[in-house]
């Protein structure tokens, strides 16, 4: 094969891939209509860099370690 033949084959395969992906996107959109998605799905949520208020954790147990005033068996 010549270089031109290779490039033509690559273009044809790429176009077929694009068509397949577009068809897949349409199929997925049909199976999951917007009404069944939760509000804000896919939307970006910003998380502040400021530290959390330490009073949020008052009386909280360490997950997996149990309560502070009890001993593990």
PDB file of N, CA and C in Angstrom:
ATOM      1  N   UNK A   1       0.831  -1.187   0.000  1.00  0.00           N
ATOM      2  CA  UNK A   1       0.000   0.000   0.000  1.00  0.00           C
ATOM      3  C   UNK A   1       0.872   1.246   0.000  1.00  0.00           C
ATOM      4  N   UNK A   2       0.371   2.242  -0.651  1.00  0.00           N
ATOM      5  CA  UNK A   2       1.076   3.509  -0.660  1.00  0.00           C
ATOM      6  C   UNK A   2       0.663   4.326   0.564  1.00  0.00           C
ATOM      7  N   UNK A   3       1.384   5.375   0.812  1.00  0.00           N
ATOM      8  CA  UNK A   3       1.064   6.263   1.926  1.00  0.00           C
ATOM      9  C   UNK A   3      -0.338   6.842   1.755  1.00  0.00           C
ATOM     10  N   UNK A   4      -0.697   7.195   0.531  1.00  0.00           N
ATOM     11  CA  UNK A   4      -2.023   7.759   0.266  1.00  0.00           C
ATOM     12  C   UNK A   4      -3.118   6.742   0.573  1.00  0.00           C
ATOM     13  N   UNK A   5      -2.896   5.489   0.217  1.00  0.00           N
ATOM     14  CA  UNK A   5      -3.870   4.441   0.525  1.00  0.00           C
ATOM     15  C   UNK A   5      -4.020   4.261   2.033  1.00  0.00           C
ATOM     16  N   UNK A   6      -2.900   4.309   2.757  1.00  0.00           N
ATOM     17  CA  UNK A   6      -2.942   4.189   4.217  1.00  0.00           C
ATOM     18  C   UNK A   6      -3.731   5.336   4.834  1.00  0.00           C
ATOM     19  N   UNK A   7      -3.479   6.553   4.358  1.00  0.00           N
ATOM     20  CA  UNK A   7      -4.188   7.714   4.894  1.00  0.00           C
ATOM     21  C   UNK A   7      -5.682   7.624   4.597  1.00  0.00           C
ATOM     22  N   UNK A   8      -6.033   7.151   3.422  1.00  0.00           N
ATOM     23  CA  UNK A   8      -7.447   6.988   3.077  1.00  0.00           C
ATOM     24  C   UNK A   8      -8.103   5.963   3.984  1.00  0.00           C
ATOM     25  N   UNK A   9      -7.421   4.875   4.260  1.00  0.00           N
ATOM     26  CA  UNK A   9      -7.962   3.844   5.147  1.00  0.00           C
ATOM     27  C   UNK A   9      -8.124   4.381   6.567  1.00  0.00           C
ATOM     28  N   UNK A  10      -7.170   5.162   7.031  1.00  0.00           N
ATOM     29  CA  UNK A  10      -7.256   5.745   8.373  1.00  0.00           C
ATOM     30  C   UNK A  10      -8.432   6.704   8.448  1.00  0.00           C
ATOM     31  N   UNK A  11      -8.618   7.543   7.439  1.00  0.00           N
ATOM     32  CA  UNK A  11      -9.752   8.477   7.424  1.00  0.00           C
ATOM     33  C   UNK A  11     -11.079   7.723   7.442  1.00  0.00           C
ATOM     34  N   UNK A  12     -11.171   6.667   6.638  1.00  0.00           N
ATOM     35  CA  UNK A  12     -12.400   5.877   6.574  1.00  0.00           C
ATOM     36  C   UNK A  12     -12.687   5.241   7.932  1.00  0.00           C
ATOM     37  N   UNK A  13     -11.661   4.673   8.560  1.00  0.00           N
ATOM     38  CA  UNK A  13     -11.847   4.055   9.880  1.00  0.00           C
ATOM     39  C   UNK A  13     -12.206   5.093  10.936  1.00  0.00           C
ATOM     40  N   UNK A  14     -11.595   6.252  10.878  1.00  0.00           N
ATOM     41  CA  UNK A  14     -11.902   7.317  11.827  1.00  0.00           C
ATOM     42  C   UNK A  14     -13.331   7.801  11.652  1.00  0.00           C
ATOM     43  N   UNK A  15     -13.777   7.961  10.424  1.00  0.00           N
ATOM     44  CA  UNK A  15     -15.164   8.371  10.174  1.00  0.00           C
ATOM     45  C   UNK A  15     -16.140   7.320  10.692  1.00  0.00           C
ATOM     46  N   UNK A  16     -15.820   6.048  10.492  1.00  0.00           N
ATOM     47  CA  UNK A  16     -16.679   4.974  11.001  1.00  0.00           C
ATOM     48  C   UNK A  16     -16.718   4.998  12.537  1.00  0.00           C
ATOM     49  N   UNK A  17     -15.589   5.271  13.170  1.00  0.00           N
ATOM     50  CA  UNK A  17     -15.539   5.377  14.632  1.00  0.00           C
ATOM     51  C   UNK A  17     -16.412   6.531  15.111  1.00  0.00           C
ATOM     52  N   UNK A  18     -16.332   7.668  14.452  1.00  0.00           N
ATOM     53  CA  UNK A  18     -17.146   8.831  14.825  1.00  0.00           C
ATOM     54  C   UNK A  18     -18.628   8.488  14.701  1.00  0.00           C
ATOM     55  N   UNK A  19     -19.019   7.832  13.609  1.00  0.00           N
ATOM     56  CA  UNK A  19     -20.419   7.442  13.435  1.00  0.00           C
ATOM     57  C   UNK A  19     -20.864   6.475  14.526  1.00  0.00           C
ATOM     58  N   UNK A  20     -19.999   5.533  14.884  1.00  0.00           N
ATOM     59  CA  UNK A  20     -20.343   4.556  15.930  1.00  0.00           C
ATOM     60  C   UNK A  20     -20.516   5.227  17.286  1.00  0.00           C
ATOM     61  N   UNK A  21     -19.639   6.167  17.612  1.00  0.00           N
ATOM     62  CA  UNK A  21     -19.736   6.877  18.893  1.00  0.00           C
ATOM     63  C   UNK A  21     -20.999   7.729  18.926  1.00  0.00           C
ATOM     64  N   UNK A  22     -21.304   8.390  17.827  1.00  0.00           N
ATOM     65  CA  UNK A  22     -22.533   9.189  17.774  1.00  0.00           C
ATOM     66  C   UNK A  22     -23.765   8.317  17.958  1.00  0.00           C
ATOM     67  N   UNK A  23     -23.773   7.137  17.337  1.00  0.00           N
ATOM     68  CA  UNK A  23     -24.899   6.213  17.497  1.00  0.00           C
ATOM     69  C   UNK A  23     -25.004   5.743  18.947  1.00  0.00           C
ATOM     70  N   UNK A  24     -23.874   5.455  19.564  1.00  0.00           N
ATOM     71  CA  UNK A  24     -23.856   5.038  20.961  1.00  0.00           C
ATOM     72  C   UNK A  24     -24.392   6.139  21.868  1.00  0.00           C
ATOM     73  N   UNK A  25     -23.999   7.376  21.612  1.00  0.00           N
ATOM     74  CA  UNK A  25     -24.506   8.500  22.407  1.00  0.00           C
ATOM     75  C   UNK A  25     -26.020   8.628  22.268  1.00  0.00           C
ATOM     76  N   UNK A  26     -26.533   8.452  21.054  1.00  0.00           N
ATOM     77  CA  UNK A  26     -27.984   8.519  20.854  1.00  0.00           C
ATOM     78  C   UNK A  26     -28.690   7.387  21.593  1.00  0.00           C
ATOM     79  N   UNK A  27     -28.119   6.182  21.552  1.00  0.00           N
ATOM     80  CA  UNK A  27     -28.724   5.042  22.249  1.00  0.00           C
ATOM     81  C   UNK A  27     -28.751   5.265  23.757  1.00  0.00           C
ATOM     82  N   UNK A  28     -27.671   5.777  24.304  1.00  0.00           N
ATOM     83  CA  UNK A  28     -27.607   6.028  25.746  1.00  0.00           C
ATOM     84  C   UNK A  28     -28.596   7.120  26.131  1.00  0.00           C
ATOM     85  N   UNK A  29     -28.700   8.158  25.317  1.00  0.00           N
ATOM     86  CA  UNK A  29     -29.634   9.247  25.617  1.00  0.00           C
ATOM     87  C   UNK A  29     -31.074   8.742  25.598  1.00  0.00           C
ATOM     88  N   UNK A  30     -31.375   7.804  24.735  1.00  0.00           N
ATOM     89  CA  UNK A  30     -32.720   7.241  24.681  1.00  0.00           C
ATOM     90  C   UNK A  30     -33.011   6.376  25.892  1.00  0.00           C
ATOM     91  N   UNK A  31     -32.015   5.652  26.384  1.00  0.00           N
ATOM     92  CA  UNK A  31     -32.220   4.742  27.509  1.00  0.00           C
ATOM     93  C   UNK A  31     -32.297   5.477  28.837  1.00  0.00           C
ATOM     94  N   UNK A  32     -31.652   6.624  28.949  1.00  0.00           N
ATOM     95  CA  UNK A  32     -31.656   7.384  30.201  1.00  0.00           C
ATOM     96  C   UNK A  32     -32.175   8.788  29.926  1.00  0.00           C
ATOM     97  N   UNK A  33     -33.488   8.954  29.847  1.00  0.00           N
ATOM     98  CA  UNK A  33     -34.023  10.291  29.565  1.00  0.00           C
ATOM     99  C   UNK A  33     -33.677  11.267  30.680  1.00  0.00           C
ATOM    100  N   UNK A  34     -33.686  12.527  30.336  1.00  0.00           N
ATOM    101  CA  UNK A  34     -33.290  13.578  31.286  1.00  0.00           C
ATOM    102  C   UNK A  34     -34.159  13.583  32.528  1.00  0.00           C
ATOM    103  N   UNK A  35     -35.406  13.151  32.418  1.00  0.00           N
ATOM    104  CA  UNK A  35     -36.301  13.165  33.578  1.00  0.00           C
ATOM    105  C   UNK A  35     -35.849  12.193  34.655  1.00  0.00           C
ATOM    106  N   UNK A  36     -35.135  11.142  34.285  1.00  0.00           N
ATOM    107  CA  UNK A  36     -34.718  10.153  35.280  1.00  0.00           C
ATOM    108  C   UNK A  36     -33.380  10.508  35.926  1.00  0.00           C
ATOM    109  N   UNK A  37     -32.701  11.495  35.398  1.00  0.00           N
ATOM    110  CA  UNK A  37     -31.420  11.907  35.985  1.00  0.00           C
ATOM    111  C   UNK A  37     -31.673  12.866  37.147  1.00  0.00           C
ATOM    112  N   UNK A  38     -30.861  12.778  38.197  1.00  0.00           N
ATOM    113  CA  UNK A  38     -31.043  13.711  39.313  1.00  0.00           C
ATOM    114  C   UNK A  38     -30.730  15.136  38.880  1.00  0.00           C
ATOM    115  N   UNK A  39     -31.360  16.118  39.519  1.00  0.00           N
ATOM    116  CA  UNK A  39     -31.098  17.509  39.146  1.00  0.00           C
ATOM    117  C   UNK A  39     -29.633  17.853  39.376  1.00  0.00           C
ATOM    118  N   UNK A  40     -29.062  18.547  38.442  1.00  0.00           N
ATOM    119  CA  UNK A  40     -27.671  18.956  38.565  1.00  0.00           C
ATOM    120  C   UNK A  40     -26.684  17.863  38.237  1.00  0.00           C
ATOM    121  N   UNK A  41     -27.139  16.726  37.717  1.00  0.00           N
ATOM    122  CA  UNK A  41     -26.227  15.640  37.377  1.00  0.00           C
ATOM    123  C   UNK A  41     -25.239  16.124  36.329  1.00  0.00           C
ATOM    124  N   UNK A  42     -24.000  15.900  36.584  1.00  0.00           N
ATOM    125  CA  UNK A  42     -22.966  16.308  35.653  1.00  0.00           C
ATOM    126  C   UNK A  42     -22.494  17.733  35.867  1.00  0.00           C
ATOM    127  N   UNK A  43     -23.168  18.485  36.728  1.00  0.00           N
ATOM    128  CA  UNK A  43     -22.759  19.861  36.980  1.00  0.00           C
ATOM    129  C   UNK A  43     -21.557  19.880  37.920  1.00  0.00           C
ATOM    130  N   UNK A  44     -20.711  20.837  37.731  1.00  0.00           N
ATOM    131  CA  UNK A  44     -19.531  20.979  38.577  1.00  0.00           C
ATOM    132  C   UNK A  44     -19.949  21.536  39.939  1.00  0.00           C
ATOM    133  N   UNK A  45     -19.349  21.016  40.980  1.00  0.00           N
ATOM    134  CA  UNK A  45     -19.601  21.490  42.332  1.00  0.00           C
ATOM    135  C   UNK A  45     -18.283  22.009  42.868  1.00  0.00           C
ATOM    136  N   UNK A  46     -18.261  23.253  43.295  1.00  0.00           N
ATOM    137  CA  UNK A  46     -17.018  23.797  43.826  1.00  0.00           C
ATOM    138  C   UNK A  46     -16.930  23.488  45.319  1.00  0.00           C
ATOM    139  N   UNK A  47     -15.747  23.092  45.738  1.00  0.00           N
ATOM    140  CA  UNK A  47     -15.489  22.786  47.140  1.00  0.00           C
ATOM    141  C   UNK A  47     -14.502  23.830  47.638  1.00  0.00           C
ATOM    142  N   UNK A  48     -14.865  24.564  48.697  1.00  0.00           N
ATOM    143  CA  UNK A  48     -13.976  25.628  49.169  1.00  0.00           C
ATOM    144  C   UNK A  48     -12.696  25.054  49.776  1.00  0.00           C
ATOM    145  N   UNK A  49     -11.624  25.839  49.681  1.00  0.00           N
ATOM    146  CA  UNK A  49     -10.343  25.432  50.250  1.00  0.00           C
ATOM    147  C   UNK A  49     -10.237  25.766  51.733  1.00  0.00           C
ATOM    148  N   UNK A  50     -11.203  26.500  52.262  1.00  0.00           N
ATOM    149  CA  UNK A  50     -11.145  26.883  53.666  1.00  0.00           C
ATOM    150  C   UNK A  50     -11.384  25.660  54.545  1.00  0.00           C
ATOM    151  N   UNK A  51     -10.727  25.598  55.700  1.00  0.00           N
ATOM    152  CA  UNK A  51     -10.928  24.436  56.575  1.00  0.00           C
ATOM    153  C   UNK A  51     -12.337  24.416  57.155  1.00  0.00           C
ATOM    154  N   UNK A  52     -12.811  23.207  57.460  1.00  0.00           N
ATOM    155  CA  UNK A  52     -14.121  23.062  58.077  1.00  0.00           C
ATOM    156  C   UNK A  52     -14.081  23.567  59.518  1.00  0.00           C
ATOM    157  N   UNK A  53     -15.211  24.000  60.003  1.00  0.00           N
ATOM    158  CA  UNK A  53     -15.349  24.428  61.386  1.00  0.00           C
ATOM    159  C   UNK A  53     -15.181  23.194  62.276  1.00  0.00           C
ATOM    160  N   UNK A  54     -14.260  23.236  63.224  1.00  0.00           N
ATOM    161  CA  UNK A  54     -13.982  22.066  64.073  1.00  0.00           C
ATOM    162  C   UNK A  54     -15.165  21.688  64.952  1.00  0.00           C
ATOM    163  N   UNK A  55     -16.112  22.609  65.168  1.00  0.00           N
ATOM    164  CA  UNK A  55     -17.275  22.260  65.977  1.00  0.00           C
ATOM    165  C   UNK A  55     -18.188  21.271  65.255  1.00  0.00           C
ATOM    166  N   UNK A  56     -18.009  21.118  63.952  1.00  0.00           N
ATOM    167  CA  UNK A  56     -18.783  20.120  63.220  1.00  0.00           C
ATOM    168  C   UNK A  56     -18.460  18.706  63.712  1.00  0.00           C
ATOM    169  N   UNK A  57     -17.257  18.516  64.220  1.00  0.00           N
ATOM    170  CA  UNK A  57     -16.798  17.183  64.593  1.00  0.00           C
ATOM    171  C   UNK A  57     -16.897  16.929  66.098  1.00  0.00           C
ATOM    172  N   UNK A  58     -17.444  17.863  66.854  1.00  0.00           N
ATOM    173  CA  UNK A  58     -17.624  17.645  68.285  1.00  0.00           C
ATOM    174  C   UNK A  58     -18.583  16.478  68.482  1.00  0.00           C
ATOM    175  N   UNK A  59     -18.266  15.592  69.393  1.00  0.00           N
ATOM    176  CA  UNK A  59     -19.058  14.406  69.707  1.00  0.00           C
ATOM    177  C   UNK A  59     -19.083  13.381  68.568  1.00  0.00           C
ATOM    178  N   UNK A  60     -18.203  13.505  67.622  1.00  0.00           N
ATOM    179  CA  UNK A  60     -18.160  12.519  66.538  1.00  0.00           C
ATOM    180  C   UNK A  60     -17.148  11.435  66.897  1.00  0.00           C
ATOM    181  N   UNK A  61     -17.488  10.205  66.586  1.00  0.00           N
ATOM    182  CA  UNK A  61     -16.569   9.095  66.815  1.00  0.00           C
ATOM    183  C   UNK A  61     -15.662   8.941  65.601  1.00  0.00           C
ATOM    184  N   UNK A  62     -14.465   8.423  65.848  1.00  0.00           N
ATOM    185  CA  UNK A  62     -13.578   8.120  64.736  1.00  0.00           C
ATOM    186  C   UNK A  62     -14.094   6.864  64.061  1.00  0.00           C
ATOM    187  N   UNK A  63     -14.347   6.965  62.793  1.00  0.00           N
ATOM    188  CA  UNK A  63     -14.904   5.824  62.065  1.00  0.00           C
ATOM    189  C   UNK A  63     -13.969   4.631  62.159  1.00  0.00           C
ATOM    190  N   UNK A  64     -14.515   3.518  62.564  1.00  0.00           N
ATOM    191  CA  UNK A  64     -13.732   2.304  62.661  1.00  0.00           C
ATOM    192  C   UNK A  64     -12.995   2.147  63.967  1.00  0.00           C
ATOM    193  N   UNK A  65     -12.893   3.206  64.754  1.00  0.00           N
ATOM    194  CA  UNK A  65     -12.174   3.127  66.029  1.00  0.00           C
ATOM    195  C   UNK A  65     -13.136   3.089  67.212  1.00  0.00           C
ATOM    196  N   UNK A  66     -14.378   3.378  66.994  1.00  0.00           N
ATOM    197  CA  UNK A  66     -15.354   3.351  68.074  1.00  0.00           C
ATOM    198  C   UNK A  66     -15.343   4.631  68.882  1.00  0.00           C
ATOM    199  N   UNK A  67     -16.086   4.605  69.972  1.00  0.00           N
ATOM    200  CA  UNK A  67     -16.195   5.783  70.831  1.00  0.00           C
ATOM    201  C   UNK A  67     -14.915   5.968  71.617  1.00  0.00           C
ATOM    202  N   UNK A  68     -14.619   7.203  71.988  1.00  0.00           N
ATOM    203  CA  UNK A  68     -13.373   7.506  72.699  1.00  0.00           C
ATOM    204  C   UNK A  68     -13.323   6.915  74.093  1.00  0.00           C
ATOM    205  N   UNK A  69     -14.488   6.785  74.748  1.00  0.00           N
ATOM    206  CA  UNK A  69     -14.491   6.310  76.133  1.00  0.00           C
ATOM    207  C   UNK A  69     -14.631   4.797  76.246  1.00  0.00           C
ATOM    208  N   UNK A  70     -14.585   4.083  75.159  1.00  0.00           N
ATOM    209  CA  UNK A  70     -14.709   2.623  75.203  1.00  0.00           C
ATOM    210  C   UNK A  70     -13.433   1.982  74.684  1.00  0.00           C
ATOM    211  N   UNK A  71     -13.179   0.757  75.153  1.00  0.00           N
ATOM    212  CA  UNK A  71     -12.005   0.009  74.723  1.00  0.00           C
ATOM    213  C   UNK A  71     -12.400  -1.024  73.677  1.00  0.00           C
ATOM    214  N   UNK A  72     -11.512  -1.291  72.769  1.00  0.00           N
ATOM    215  CA  UNK A  72     -11.769  -2.339  71.782  1.00  0.00           C
ATOM    216  C   UNK A  72     -11.626  -3.693  72.458  1.00  0.00           C
ATOM    217  N   UNK A  73     -12.383  -4.697  72.031  1.00  0.00           N
ATOM    218  CA  UNK A  73     -12.296  -6.026  72.661  1.00  0.00           C
ATOM    219  C   UNK A  73     -10.951  -6.678  72.471  1.00  0.00           C
TER     220      UNK A  73
END
